[in-house]
Amino acid sequence: YVESLLLYLEAGSVSLILWSQRILRVISEYLMIEDASGGA
């Protein structure tokens, strides 16, 4: 999902502003939770 989010945001535009709070909330969770990926 986090790999997909990166791919999908790259295809987005300034309209991502409409999703600001939700995107930031999801990114924050995925940044701070250990998932045994070695930081990947």
PDB file of all heavy atoms in Angstrom:
ATOM      1  N   TYR A   1       0.819  -1.215   0.000  1.00  0.00           N
ATOM      2  CA  TYR A   1       0.000   0.000   0.000  1.00  0.00           C
ATOM      3  C   TYR A   1       0.855   1.268   0.000  1.00  0.00           C
ATOM      4  O   TYR A   1       0.549   2.236  -0.698  1.00  0.00           O
ATOM      5  CB  TYR A   1      -0.929   0.009   1.211  1.00  0.00           C
ATOM      6  CG  TYR A   1      -2.131  -0.892   1.075  1.00  0.00           C
ATOM      7  CD1 TYR A   1      -2.632  -1.588   2.178  1.00  0.00           C
ATOM      8  CD2 TYR A   1      -2.776  -1.062  -0.143  1.00  0.00           C
ATOM      9  CE1 TYR A   1      -3.730  -2.423   2.061  1.00  0.00           C
ATOM     10  CE2 TYR A   1      -3.880  -1.896  -0.267  1.00  0.00           C
ATOM     11  CZ  TYR A   1      -4.346  -2.573   0.836  1.00  0.00           C
ATOM     12  OH  TYR A   1      -5.442  -3.397   0.717  1.00  0.00           O
ATOM     13  N   VAL A   2       1.924   1.274   0.785  1.00  0.00           N
ATOM     14  CA  VAL A   2       2.737   2.486   0.832  1.00  0.00           C
ATOM     15  C   VAL A   2       3.487   2.686  -0.491  1.00  0.00           C
ATOM     16  O   VAL A   2       3.665   3.815  -0.965  1.00  0.00           O
ATOM     17  CB  VAL A   2       3.703   2.459   2.048  1.00  0.00           C
ATOM     18  CG1 VAL A   2       4.840   1.477   1.858  1.00  0.00           C
ATOM     19  CG2 VAL A   2       4.241   3.854   2.328  1.00  0.00           C
ATOM     20  N   GLU A   3       3.900   1.577  -1.121  1.00  0.00           N
ATOM     21  CA  GLU A   3       4.496   1.683  -2.459  1.00  0.00           C
ATOM     22  C   GLU A   3       3.469   2.199  -3.464  1.00  0.00           C
ATOM     23  O   GLU A   3       3.777   3.048  -4.308  1.00  0.00           O
ATOM     24  CB  GLU A   3       5.018   0.306  -2.892  1.00  0.00           C
ATOM     25  CG  GLU A   3       5.663   0.307  -4.272  1.00  0.00           C
ATOM     26  CD  GLU A   3       6.128  -1.060  -4.723  1.00  0.00           C
ATOM     27  OE1 GLU A   3       6.107  -2.001  -3.898  1.00  0.00           O
ATOM     28  OE2 GLU A   3       6.510  -1.202  -5.906  1.00  0.00           O
ATOM     29  N   SER A   4       2.250   1.710  -3.344  1.00  0.00           N
ATOM     30  CA  SER A   4       1.175   2.132  -4.244  1.00  0.00           C
ATOM     31  C   SER A   4       0.829   3.597  -4.040  1.00  0.00           C
ATOM     32  O   SER A   4       0.555   4.326  -5.000  1.00  0.00           O
ATOM     33  CB  SER A   4      -0.070   1.277  -4.009  1.00  0.00           C
ATOM     34  OG  SER A   4       0.189  -0.087  -4.259  1.00  0.00           O
ATOM     35  N   LEU A   5       0.826   4.038  -2.783  1.00  0.00           N
ATOM     36  CA  LEU A   5       0.513   5.441  -2.502  1.00  0.00           C
ATOM     37  C   LEU A   5       1.524   6.370  -3.175  1.00  0.00           C
ATOM     38  O   LEU A   5       1.146   7.393  -3.762  1.00  0.00           O
ATOM     39  CB  LEU A   5       0.502   5.690  -0.986  1.00  0.00           C
ATOM     40  CG  LEU A   5       0.143   7.118  -0.572  1.00  0.00           C
ATOM     41  CD1 LEU A   5      -1.290   7.454  -0.972  1.00  0.00           C
ATOM     42  CD2 LEU A   5       0.341   7.313   0.939  1.00  0.00           C
ATOM     43  N   LEU A   6       2.802   6.010  -3.099  1.00  0.00           N
ATOM     44  CA  LEU A   6       3.838   6.815  -3.761  1.00  0.00           C
ATOM     45  C   LEU A   6       3.575   6.889  -5.259  1.00  0.00           C
ATOM     46  O   LEU A   6       3.596   7.978  -5.861  1.00  0.00           O
ATOM     47  CB  LEU A   6       5.212   6.216  -3.490  1.00  0.00           C
ATOM     48  CG  LEU A   6       6.398   6.826  -4.260  1.00  0.00           C
ATOM     49  CD1 LEU A   6       6.515   8.316  -3.980  1.00  0.00           C
ATOM     50  CD2 LEU A   6       7.691   6.110  -3.924  1.00  0.00           C
ATOM     51  N   LEU A   7       3.301   5.748  -5.885  1.00  0.00           N
ATOM     52  CA  LEU A   7       3.021   5.719  -7.320  1.00  0.00           C
ATOM     53  C   LEU A   7       1.804   6.571  -7.660  1.00  0.00           C
ATOM     54  O   LEU A   7       1.799   7.305  -8.656  1.00  0.00           O
ATOM     55  CB  LEU A   7       2.759   4.276  -7.772  1.00  0.00           C
ATOM     56  CG  LEU A   7       3.945   3.309  -7.763  1.00  0.00           C
ATOM     57  CD1 LEU A   7       3.453   1.881  -7.965  1.00  0.00           C
ATOM     58  CD2 LEU A   7       4.948   3.674  -8.841  1.00  0.00           C
ATOM     59  N   TYR A   8       0.793   6.472  -6.812  1.00  0.00           N
ATOM     60  CA  TYR A   8      -0.463   7.154  -7.117  1.00  0.00           C
ATOM     61  C   TYR A   8      -0.366   8.659  -6.894  1.00  0.00           C
ATOM     62  O   TYR A   8      -0.935   9.443  -7.664  1.00  0.00           O
ATOM     63  CB  TYR A   8      -1.591   6.561  -6.275  1.00  0.00           C
ATOM     64  CG  TYR A   8      -2.933   6.704  -6.937  1.00  0.00           C
ATOM     65  CD1 TYR A   8      -3.158   6.187  -8.212  1.00  0.00           C
ATOM     66  CD2 TYR A   8      -3.979   7.367  -6.311  1.00  0.00           C
ATOM     67  CE1 TYR A   8      -4.385   6.315  -8.834  1.00  0.00           C
ATOM     68  CE2 TYR A   8      -5.211   7.500  -6.919  1.00  0.00           C
ATOM     69  CZ  TYR A   8      -5.402   6.973  -8.189  1.00  0.00           C
ATOM     70  OH  TYR A   8      -6.619   7.121  -8.810  1.00  0.00           O
ATOM     71  N   LEU A   9       0.346   9.087  -5.863  1.00  0.00           N
ATOM     72  CA  LEU A   9       0.519  10.523  -5.630  1.00  0.00           C
ATOM     73  C   LEU A   9       1.314  11.172  -6.760  1.00  0.00           C
ATOM     74  O   LEU A   9       1.063  12.318  -7.140  1.00  0.00           O
ATOM     75  CB  LEU A   9       1.211  10.774  -4.287  1.00  0.00           C
ATOM     76  CG  LEU A   9       0.426  10.413  -3.037  1.00  0.00           C
ATOM     77  CD1 LEU A   9       1.213  10.783  -1.790  1.00  0.00           C
ATOM     78  CD2 LEU A   9      -0.947  11.069  -3.013  1.00  0.00           C
ATOM     79  N   GLU A  10       2.259  10.422  -7.318  1.00  0.00           N
ATOM     80  CA  GLU A  10       3.041  10.957  -8.433  1.00  0.00           C
ATOM     81  C   GLU A  10       2.161  11.237  -9.642  1.00  0.00           C
ATOM     82  O   GLU A  10       2.469  12.103 -10.469  1.00  0.00           O
ATOM     83  CB  GLU A  10       4.159   9.976  -8.806  1.00  0.00           C
ATOM     84  CG  GLU A  10       5.294   9.946  -7.794  1.00  0.00           C
ATOM     85  CD  GLU A  10       6.326   8.875  -8.090  1.00  0.00           C
ATOM     86  OE1 GLU A  10       5.993   7.924  -8.837  1.00  0.00           O
ATOM     87  OE2 GLU A  10       7.447   8.961  -7.560  1.00  0.00           O
ATOM     88  N   ALA A  11       1.049  10.510  -9.767  1.00  0.00           N
ATOM     89  CA  ALA A  11       0.118  10.719 -10.878  1.00  0.00           C
ATOM     90  C   ALA A  11      -0.918  11.787 -10.557  1.00  0.00           C
ATOM     91  O   ALA A  11      -1.746  12.126 -11.412  1.00  0.00           O
ATOM     92  CB  ALA A  11      -0.594   9.411 -11.220  1.00  0.00           C
ATOM     93  N   GLY A  12      -0.888  12.321  -9.336  1.00  0.00           N
ATOM     94  CA  GLY A  12      -1.884  13.300  -8.914  1.00  0.00           C
ATOM     95  C   GLY A  12      -1.536  14.713  -9.333  1.00  0.00           C
ATOM     96  O   GLY A  12      -0.560  14.968 -10.041  1.00  0.00           O
ATOM     97  N   SER A  13      -2.332  15.656  -8.869  1.00  0.00           N
ATOM     98  CA  SER A  13      -2.151  17.065  -9.218  1.00  0.00           C
ATOM     99  C   SER A  13      -2.391  17.907  -7.972  1.00  0.00           C
ATOM    100  O   SER A  13      -2.462  17.385  -6.852  1.00  0.00           O
ATOM    101  CB  SER A  13      -3.132  17.458 -10.333  1.00  0.00           C
ATOM    102  OG  SER A  13      -4.464  17.361  -9.858  1.00  0.00           O
ATOM    103  N   VAL A  14      -2.555  19.181  -8.161  1.00  0.00           N
ATOM    104  CA  VAL A  14      -2.798  20.083  -7.040  1.00  0.00           C
ATOM    105  C   VAL A  14      -4.107  19.742  -6.326  1.00  0.00           C
ATOM    106  O   VAL A  14      -4.314  20.130  -5.169  1.00  0.00           O
ATOM    107  CB  VAL A  14      -2.812  21.553  -7.546  1.00  0.00           C
ATOM    108  CG1 VAL A  14      -4.052  21.828  -8.386  1.00  0.00           C
ATOM    109  CG2 VAL A  14      -2.698  22.545  -6.397  1.00  0.00           C
ATOM    110  N   SER A  15      -4.979  18.973  -6.967  1.00  0.00           N
ATOM    111  CA  SER A  15      -6.249  18.587  -6.334  1.00  0.00           C
ATOM    112  C   SER A  15      -6.040  17.700  -5.107  1.00  0.00           C
ATOM    113  O   SER A  15      -6.970  17.469  -4.337  1.00  0.00           O
ATOM    114  CB  SER A  15      -7.149  17.863  -7.336  1.00  0.00           C
ATOM    115  OG  SER A  15      -6.580  16.624  -7.726  1.00  0.00           O
ATOM    116  N   LEU A  16      -4.828  17.207  -4.898  1.00  0.00           N
ATOM    117  CA  LEU A  16      -4.525  16.441  -3.683  1.00  0.00           C
ATOM    118  C   LEU A  16      -4.738  17.282  -2.429  1.00  0.00           C
ATOM    119  O   LEU A  16      -4.837  16.741  -1.320  1.00  0.00           O
ATOM    120  CB  LEU A  16      -3.081  15.927  -3.724  1.00  0.00           C
ATOM    121  CG  LEU A  16      -2.789  14.794  -4.717  1.00  0.00           C
ATOM    122  CD1 LEU A  16      -1.302  14.539  -4.812  1.00  0.00           C
ATOM    123  CD2 LEU A  16      -3.517  13.523  -4.309  1.00  0.00           C
ATOM    124  N   ILE A  17      -4.793  18.594  -2.602  1.00  0.00           N
ATOM    125  CA  ILE A  17      -5.099  19.488  -1.475  1.00  0.00           C
ATOM    126  C   ILE A  17      -6.388  19.057  -0.788  1.00  0.00           C
ATOM    127  O   ILE A  17      -6.517  19.147   0.442  1.00  0.00           O
ATOM    128  CB  ILE A  17      -5.211  20.951  -1.980  1.00  0.00           C
ATOM    129  CG1 ILE A  17      -3.810  21.515  -2.272  1.00  0.00           C
ATOM    130  CG2 ILE A  17      -5.945  21.835  -0.979  1.00  0.00           C
ATOM    131  CD1 ILE A  17      -3.815  22.879  -2.897  1.00  0.00           C
ATOM    132  N   LEU A  18      -7.358  18.580  -1.571  1.00  0.00           N
ATOM    133  CA  LEU A  18      -8.643  18.157  -1.016  1.00  0.00           C
ATOM    134  C   LEU A  18      -8.503  16.996  -0.034  1.00  0.00           C
ATOM    135  O   LEU A  18      -9.376  16.777   0.805  1.00  0.00           O
ATOM    136  CB  LEU A  18      -9.588  17.746  -2.150  1.00  0.00           C
ATOM    137  CG  LEU A  18      -9.935  18.821  -3.192  1.00  0.00           C
ATOM    138  CD1 LEU A  18     -10.711  18.214  -4.348  1.00  0.00           C
ATOM    139  CD2 LEU A  18     -10.724  19.944  -2.546  1.00  0.00           C
ATOM    140  N   TRP A  19      -7.401  16.237  -0.164  1.00  0.00           N
ATOM    141  CA  TRP A  19      -7.191  15.055   0.663  1.00  0.00           C
ATOM    142  C   TRP A  19      -6.064  15.260   1.686  1.00  0.00           C
ATOM    143  O   TRP A  19      -5.567  14.297   2.268  1.00  0.00           O
ATOM    144  CB  TRP A  19      -6.841  13.860  -0.227  1.00  0.00           C
ATOM    145  CG  TRP A  19      -7.930  13.515  -1.196  1.00  0.00           C
ATOM    146  CD1 TRP A  19      -8.105  13.993  -2.456  1.00  0.00           C
ATOM    147  CD2 TRP A  19      -9.019  12.626  -0.957  1.00  0.00           C
ATOM    148  NE1 TRP A  19      -9.223  13.459  -3.033  1.00  0.00           N
ATOM    149  CE2 TRP A  19      -9.810  12.601  -2.130  1.00  0.00           C
ATOM    150  CE3 TRP A  19      -9.402  11.829   0.123  1.00  0.00           C
ATOM    151  CZ2 TRP A  19     -10.959  11.829  -2.237  1.00  0.00           C
ATOM    152  CZ3 TRP A  19     -10.543  11.049   0.015  1.00  0.00           C
ATOM    153  CH2 TRP A  19     -11.310  11.068  -1.151  1.00  0.00           C
ATOM    154  N   SER A  20      -5.681  16.506   1.930  1.00  0.00           N
ATOM    155  CA  SER A  20      -4.486  16.810   2.729  1.00  0.00           C
ATOM    156  C   SER A  20      -4.481  16.116   4.081  1.00  0.00           C
ATOM    157  O   SER A  20      -3.515  15.416   4.432  1.00  0.00           O
ATOM    158  CB  SER A  20      -4.364  18.324   2.935  1.00  0.00           C
ATOM    159  OG  SER A  20      -4.057  18.968   1.723  1.00  0.00           O
ATOM    160  N   GLN A  21      -5.514  16.314   4.869  1.00  0.00           N
ATOM    161  CA  GLN A  21      -5.504  15.801   6.233  1.00  0.00           C
ATOM    162  C   GLN A  21      -5.450  14.278   6.270  1.00  0.00           C
ATOM    163  O   GLN A  21      -4.731  13.694   7.082  1.00  0.00           O
ATOM    164  CB  GLN A  21      -6.750  16.304   6.988  1.00  0.00           C
ATOM    165  CG  GLN A  21      -6.760  17.814   7.192  1.00  0.00           C
ATOM    166  CD  GLN A  21      -5.487  18.317   7.855  1.00  0.00           C
ATOM    167  OE1 GLN A  21      -5.099  17.829   8.926  1.00  0.00           O
ATOM    168  NE2 GLN A  21      -4.823  19.269   7.230  1.00  0.00           N
ATOM    169  N   ARG A  22      -6.188  13.661   5.385  1.00  0.00           N
ATOM    170  CA  ARG A  22      -6.220  12.193   5.396  1.00  0.00           C
ATOM    171  C   ARG A  22      -4.900  11.607   4.914  1.00  0.00           C
ATOM    172  O   ARG A  22      -4.394  10.624   5.464  1.00  0.00           O
ATOM    173  CB  ARG A  22      -7.371  11.695   4.524  1.00  0.00           C
ATOM    174  CG  ARG A  22      -7.723  10.249   4.794  1.00  0.00           C
ATOM    175  CD  ARG A  22      -9.058   9.892   4.222  1.00  0.00           C
ATOM    176  NE  ARG A  22      -9.391   8.500   4.489  1.00  0.00           N
ATOM    177  CZ  ARG A  22     -10.452   7.893   4.007  1.00  0.00           C
ATOM    178  NH1 ARG A  22     -11.291   8.564   3.232  1.00  0.00           N
ATOM    179  NH2 ARG A  22     -10.690   6.631   4.293  1.00  0.00           N
ATOM    180  N   ILE A  23      -4.320  12.196   3.861  1.00  0.00           N
ATOM    181  CA  ILE A  23      -3.036  11.714   3.354  1.00  0.00           C
ATOM    182  C   ILE A  23      -1.952  11.863   4.408  1.00  0.00           C
ATOM    183  O   ILE A  23      -1.166  10.935   4.650  1.00  0.00           O
ATOM    184  CB  ILE A  23      -2.651  12.463   2.059  1.00  0.00           C
ATOM    185  CG1 ILE A  23      -3.574  12.036   0.903  1.00  0.00           C
ATOM    186  CG2 ILE A  23      -1.191  12.186   1.690  1.00  0.00           C
ATOM    187  CD1 ILE A  23      -3.374  12.834  -0.371  1.00  0.00           C
ATOM    188  N   LEU A  24      -1.903  13.017   5.075  1.00  0.00           N
ATOM    189  CA  LEU A  24      -0.879  13.250   6.092  1.00  0.00           C
ATOM    190  C   LEU A  24      -1.058  12.301   7.276  1.00  0.00           C
ATOM    191  O   LEU A  24      -0.071  11.830   7.857  1.00  0.00           O
ATOM    192  CB  LEU A  24      -0.929  14.708   6.555  1.00  0.00           C
ATOM    193  CG  LEU A  24      -0.417  15.731   5.528  1.00  0.00           C
ATOM    194  CD1 LEU A  24      -0.681  17.155   6.005  1.00  0.00           C
ATOM    195  CD2 LEU A  24       1.068  15.539   5.260  1.00  0.00           C
ATOM    196  N   ARG A  25      -2.304  12.018   7.626  1.00  0.00           N
ATOM    197  CA  ARG A  25      -2.556  11.091   8.737  1.00  0.00           C
ATOM    198  C   ARG A  25      -2.060   9.687   8.401  1.00  0.00           C
ATOM    199  O   ARG A  25      -1.413   9.024   9.224  1.00  0.00           O
ATOM    200  CB  ARG A  25      -4.055  11.069   9.033  1.00  0.00           C
ATOM    201  CG  ARG A  25      -4.405  10.206  10.250  1.00  0.00           C
ATOM    202  CD  ARG A  25      -5.845  10.390  10.672  1.00  0.00           C
ATOM    203  NE  ARG A  25      -6.780   9.777   9.740  1.00  0.00           N
ATOM    204  CZ  ARG A  25      -7.703  10.449   9.055  1.00  0.00           C
ATOM    205  NH1 ARG A  25      -7.774  11.778   9.168  1.00  0.00           N
ATOM    206  NH2 ARG A  25      -8.528   9.822   8.245  1.00  0.00           N
ATOM    207  N   VAL A  26      -2.324   9.240   7.183  1.00  0.00           N
ATOM    208  CA  VAL A  26      -1.891   7.902   6.764  1.00  0.00           C
ATOM    209  C   VAL A  26      -0.376   7.827   6.661  1.00  0.00           C
ATOM    210  O   VAL A  26       0.246   6.864   7.139  1.00  0.00           O
ATOM    211  CB  VAL A  26      -2.549   7.535   5.411  1.00  0.00           C
ATOM    212  CG1 VAL A  26      -1.892   6.293   4.816  1.00  0.00           C
ATOM    213  CG2 VAL A  26      -4.041   7.303   5.585  1.00  0.00           C
ATOM    214  N   ILE A  27       0.241   8.832   6.059  1.00  0.00           N
ATOM    215  CA  ILE A  27       1.701   8.841   5.923  1.00  0.00           C
ATOM    216  C   ILE A  27       2.363   8.836   7.297  1.00  0.00           C
ATOM    217  O   ILE A  27       3.352   8.121   7.529  1.00  0.00           O
ATOM    218  CB  ILE A  27       2.161  10.049   5.093  1.00  0.00           C
ATOM    219  CG1 ILE A  27       1.778   9.851   3.618  1.00  0.00           C
ATOM    220  CG2 ILE A  27       3.672  10.252   5.217  1.00  0.00           C
ATOM    221  CD1 ILE A  27       2.129  11.028   2.723  1.00  0.00           C
ATOM    222  N   SER A  28       1.821   9.617   8.224  1.00  0.00           N
ATOM    223  CA  SER A  28       2.383   9.669   9.577  1.00  0.00           C
ATOM    224  C   SER A  28       2.362   8.295  10.236  1.00  0.00           C
ATOM    225  O   SER A  28       3.348   7.863  10.850  1.00  0.00           O
ATOM    226  CB  SER A  28       1.575  10.659  10.425  1.00  0.00           C
ATOM    227  OG  SER A  28       2.029  10.650  11.757  1.00  0.00           O
ATOM    228  N   GLU A  29       1.258   7.579  10.079  1.00  0.00           N
ATOM    229  CA  GLU A  29       1.165   6.244  10.681  1.00  0.00           C
ATOM    230  C   GLU A  29       2.174   5.292  10.065  1.00  0.00           C
ATOM    231  O   GLU A  29       2.839   4.523  10.772  1.00  0.00           O
ATOM    232  CB  GLU A  29      -0.252   5.691  10.495  1.00  0.00           C
ATOM    233  CG  GLU A  29      -0.418   4.314  11.115  1.00  0.00           C
ATOM    234  CD  GLU A  29      -1.728   3.649  10.724  1.00  0.00           C
ATOM    235  OE1 GLU A  29      -2.603   4.325  10.155  1.00  0.00           O
ATOM    236  OE2 GLU A  29      -1.855   2.441  10.979  1.00  0.00           O
ATOM    237  N   TYR A  30       2.321   5.336   8.751  1.00  0.00           N
ATOM    238  CA  TYR A  30       3.225   4.400   8.079  1.00  0.00           C
ATOM    239  C   TYR A  30       4.695   4.759   8.323  1.00  0.00           C
ATOM    240  O   TYR A  30       5.563   3.901   8.206  1.00  0.00           O
ATOM    241  CB  TYR A  30       2.926   4.363   6.575  1.00  0.00           C
ATOM    242  CG  TYR A  30       1.806   3.399   6.244  1.00  0.00           C
ATOM    243  CD1 TYR A  30       0.499   3.666   6.631  1.00  0.00           C
ATOM    244  CD2 TYR A  30       2.052   2.202   5.579  1.00  0.00           C
ATOM    245  CE1 TYR A  30      -0.541   2.791   6.357  1.00  0.00           C
ATOM    246  CE2 TYR A  30       1.024   1.310   5.300  1.00  0.00           C
ATOM    247  CZ  TYR A  30      -0.270   1.610   5.695  1.00  0.00           C
ATOM    248  OH  TYR A  30      -1.285   0.729   5.424  1.00  0.00           O
ATOM    249  N   LEU A  31       4.963   6.013   8.664  1.00  0.00           N
ATOM    250  CA  LEU A  31       6.338   6.404   8.967  1.00  0.00           C
ATOM    251  C   LEU A  31       6.777   5.940  10.351  1.00  0.00           C
ATOM    252  O   LEU A  31       7.949   5.620  10.565  1.00  0.00           O
ATOM    253  CB  LEU A  31       6.474   7.930   8.889  1.00  0.00           C
ATOM    254  CG  LEU A  31       6.671   8.535   7.498  1.00  0.00           C
ATOM    255  CD1 LEU A  31       6.594  10.056   7.570  1.00  0.00           C
ATOM    256  CD2 LEU A  31       8.004   8.108   6.898  1.00  0.00           C
ATOM    257  N   MET A  32       5.852   5.889  11.287  1.00  0.00           N
ATOM    258  CA  MET A  32       6.235   5.692  12.675  1.00  0.00           C
ATOM    259  C   MET A  32       6.032   4.277  13.200  1.00  0.00           C
ATOM    260  O   MET A  32       6.369   3.979  14.342  1.00  0.00           O
ATOM    261  CB  MET A  32       5.443   6.665  13.578  1.00  0.00           C
ATOM    262  CG  MET A  32       5.668   8.131  13.230  1.00  0.00           C
ATOM    263  SD  MET A  32       7.425   8.589  13.030  1.00  0.00           S
ATOM    264  CE  MET A  32       8.065   8.186  14.651  1.00  0.00           C
ATOM    265  N   ILE A  33       5.496   3.359  12.374  1.00  0.00           N
ATOM    266  CA  ILE A  33       5.249   1.992  12.853  1.00  0.00           C
ATOM    267  C   ILE A  33       6.282   1.032  12.259  1.00  0.00           C
ATOM    268  O   ILE A  33       6.500   1.001  11.049  1.00  0.00           O
ATOM    269  CB  ILE A  33       3.821   1.535  12.482  1.00  0.00           C
ATOM    270  CG1 ILE A  33       2.792   2.360  13.274  1.00  0.00           C
ATOM    271  CG2 ILE A  33       3.636   0.053  12.753  1.00  0.00           C
ATOM    272  CD1 ILE A  33       1.363   2.004  12.989  1.00  0.00           C
ATOM    273  N   GLU A  34       6.907   0.270  13.116  1.00  0.00           N
ATOM    274  CA  GLU A  34       7.893  -0.729  12.705  1.00  0.00           C
ATOM    275  C   GLU A  34       7.198  -1.867  11.963  1.00  0.00           C
ATOM    276  O   GLU A  34       6.176  -2.389  12.410  1.00  0.00           O
ATOM    277  CB  GLU A  34       8.608  -1.270  13.955  1.00  0.00           C
ATOM    278  CG  GLU A  34       9.486  -2.468  13.703  1.00  0.00           C
ATOM    279  CD  GLU A  34      10.652  -2.150  12.792  1.00  0.00           C
ATOM    280  OE1 GLU A  34      11.478  -1.307  13.158  1.00  0.00           O
ATOM    281  OE2 GLU A  34      10.696  -2.755  11.699  1.00  0.00           O
ATOM    282  N   ASP A  35       7.753  -2.244  10.802  1.00  0.00           N
ATOM    283  CA  ASP A  35       7.132  -3.330  10.028  1.00  0.00           C
ATOM    284  C   ASP A  35       8.159  -4.353   9.526  1.00  0.00           C
ATOM    285  O   ASP A  35       7.883  -5.101   8.591  1.00  0.00           O
ATOM    286  CB  ASP A  35       6.341  -2.767   8.854  1.00  0.00           C
ATOM    287  CG  ASP A  35       7.223  -2.031   7.844  1.00  0.00           C
ATOM    288  OD1 ASP A  35       8.438  -1.897   8.099  1.00  0.00           O
ATOM    289  OD2 ASP A  35       6.700  -1.602   6.800  1.00  0.00           O
ATOM    290  N   ALA A  36       9.327  -4.358  10.147  1.00  0.00           N
ATOM    291  CA  ALA A  36      10.374  -5.344   9.825  1.00  0.00           C
ATOM    292  C   ALA A  36      10.868  -5.233   8.385  1.00  0.00           C
ATOM    293  O   ALA A  36      11.364  -6.200   7.821  1.00  0.00           O
ATOM    294  CB  ALA A  36       9.876  -6.762  10.086  1.00  0.00           C
ATOM    295  N   SER A  37      10.747  -4.051   7.788  1.00  0.00           N
ATOM    296  CA  SER A  37      11.226  -3.858   6.412  1.00  0.00           C
ATOM    297  C   SER A  37      12.630  -3.263   6.371  1.00  0.00           C
ATOM    298  O   SER A  37      13.158  -2.994   5.290  1.00  0.00           O
ATOM    299  CB  SER A  37      10.265  -2.949   5.641  1.00  0.00           C
ATOM    300  OG  SER A  37      10.280  -1.628   6.159  1.00  0.00           O
ATOM    301  N   GLY A  38      13.225  -3.036   7.533  1.00  0.00           N
ATOM    302  CA  GLY A  38      14.549  -2.427   7.569  1.00  0.00           C
ATOM    303  C   GLY A  38      14.541  -0.964   7.169  1.00  0.00           C
ATOM    304  O   GLY A  38      15.564  -0.417   6.763  1.00  0.00           O
ATOM    305  N   GLY A  39      13.383  -0.331   7.297  1.00  0.00           N
ATOM    306  CA  GLY A  39      13.270   1.089   6.939  1.00  0.00           C
ATOM    307  C   GLY A  39      12.780   1.325   5.523  1.00  0.00           C
ATOM    308  O   GLY A  39      12.544   2.470   5.130  1.00  0.00           O
ATOM    309  N   ALA A  40      12.602   0.237   4.737  1.00  0.00           N
ATOM    310  CA  ALA A  40      12.197   0.395   3.337  1.00  0.00           C
ATOM    311  C   ALA A  40      10.807   1.025   3.220  1.00  0.00           C
ATOM    312  O   ALA A  40      10.572   1.883   2.364  1.00  0.00           O
ATOM    313  CB  ALA A  40      12.217  -0.958   2.631  1.00  0.00           C
TER     314      ALA A  40
END
